[in-house]
Amino acid sequence: MIKLIALIIAALLQTGAAVGAIWIIRIARGKISWALIAIAFFIMAIRRILELVYYLAGDSYELMDVYTWIGVAISFIMAIAV
């Protein structure tokens, strides 16, 4: 139950971060770095939502390789953005 609550909170926070980054793009007048950060946050939010869905389905550990590669892609995008 605690893991479920943690996953829901993580998904909501990550989605909020993605929305916040999109808002900053508008303020920063379309800087490419903020666009890349927003994309990375959006991918991270999708990753958290997928983790929640698979946890609810009972298959929480079957996509560990996919999560690892998504993490690598996110790190790459964030490195380029900074």
Protein backbone atom coordinates (compact mmCIF):
# COMPACT_ATOMS: atom_id res chain seq x y z
CA MET A 1 0.00 0.00 0.00
CA ILE A 2 2.83 2.39 0.82
CA LYS A 3 4.51 1.63 -2.52
CA LEU A 4 1.24 2.40 -4.33
CA ILE A 5 0.93 5.75 -2.58
CA ALA A 6 4.58 6.53 -3.33
CA LEU A 7 4.11 5.67 -7.02
CA ILE A 8 1.01 7.86 -7.27
CA ILE A 9 2.78 10.79 -5.59
CA ALA A 10 5.86 10.32 -7.81
CA ALA A 11 3.73 10.26 -10.98
CA LEU A 12 1.84 13.40 -9.95
CA LEU A 13 5.02 15.26 -9.01
CA GLN A 14 6.76 14.28 -12.22
CA THR A 15 3.77 15.37 -14.29
CA GLY A 16 3.76 18.68 -12.41
CA ALA A 17 7.45 19.14 -13.16
CA ALA A 18 6.83 18.53 -16.86
CA VAL A 19 4.00 21.08 -16.91
CA GLY A 20 6.20 23.56 -15.03
CA ALA A 21 9.02 23.12 -17.53
CA ILE A 22 6.61 23.73 -20.41
CA TRP A 23 5.47 26.92 -18.67
CA ILE A 24 9.10 28.06 -18.32
CA ILE A 25 9.62 27.54 -22.08
CA ARG A 26 7.02 30.25 -22.66
CA ILE A 27 8.70 32.59 -20.16
CA ALA A 28 12.21 31.90 -21.53
CA ARG A 29 10.98 32.61 -25.06
CA GLY A 30 11.49 29.14 -26.45
CA LYS A 31 15.05 28.40 -25.39
CA ILE A 32 16.10 24.99 -26.71
CA SER A 33 17.53 23.94 -23.36
CA TRP A 34 14.17 24.34 -21.64
CA ALA A 35 12.47 22.47 -24.46
CA LEU A 36 14.86 19.54 -23.95
CA ILE A 37 14.37 19.65 -20.18
CA ALA A 38 10.60 19.64 -20.68
CA ILE A 39 10.89 16.62 -22.99
CA ALA A 40 13.01 14.80 -20.42
CA PHE A 41 10.52 15.59 -17.64
CA PHE A 42 7.66 14.40 -19.84
CA ILE A 43 9.44 11.11 -20.53
CA MET A 44 10.13 10.73 -16.82
CA ALA A 45 6.43 11.28 -16.10
CA ILE A 46 5.49 8.59 -18.62
CA ARG A 47 8.00 6.26 -17.00
CA ARG A 48 6.43 6.83 -13.57
CA ILE A 49 2.91 6.34 -14.91
CA LEU A 50 3.95 3.09 -16.62
CA GLU A 51 5.54 1.91 -13.40
CA LEU A 52 2.28 2.63 -11.57
CA VAL A 53 0.20 0.82 -14.21
CA TYR A 54 2.41 -2.26 -14.12
CA TYR A 55 2.40 -2.24 -10.32
CA LEU A 56 -1.39 -2.19 -10.32
CA ALA A 57 -1.41 -5.03 -12.86
CA GLY A 58 0.95 -7.08 -10.70
CA ASP A 59 3.85 -7.07 -13.19
CA SER A 60 6.06 -4.47 -11.51
CA TYR A 61 9.42 -6.09 -12.29
CA GLU A 62 9.01 -7.26 -15.88
CA LEU A 63 10.07 -3.98 -17.51
CA MET A 64 13.26 -3.29 -15.54
CA ASP A 65 15.37 -3.29 -18.74
CA VAL A 66 12.98 -0.84 -20.38
CA TYR A 67 13.13 1.44 -17.32
CA THR A 68 16.92 1.32 -17.43
CA TRP A 69 17.05 2.39 -21.08
CA ILE A 70 14.44 5.09 -20.53
CA GLY A 71 16.63 6.37 -17.69
CA VAL A 72 19.63 6.45 -20.02
CA ALA A 73 17.63 8.41 -22.61
CA ILE A 74 16.47 10.88 -19.97
CA SER A 75 20.02 11.38 -18.70
CA PHE A 76 21.24 11.95 -22.25
CA ILE A 77 18.56 14.56 -22.96
CA MET A 78 19.23 16.33 -19.66
CA ALA A 79 22.98 16.37 -20.36
CA ILE A 80 22.41 17.96 -23.75
CA ALA A 81 20.00 20.51 -22.26
CA VAL A 82 22.47 21.64 -19.62
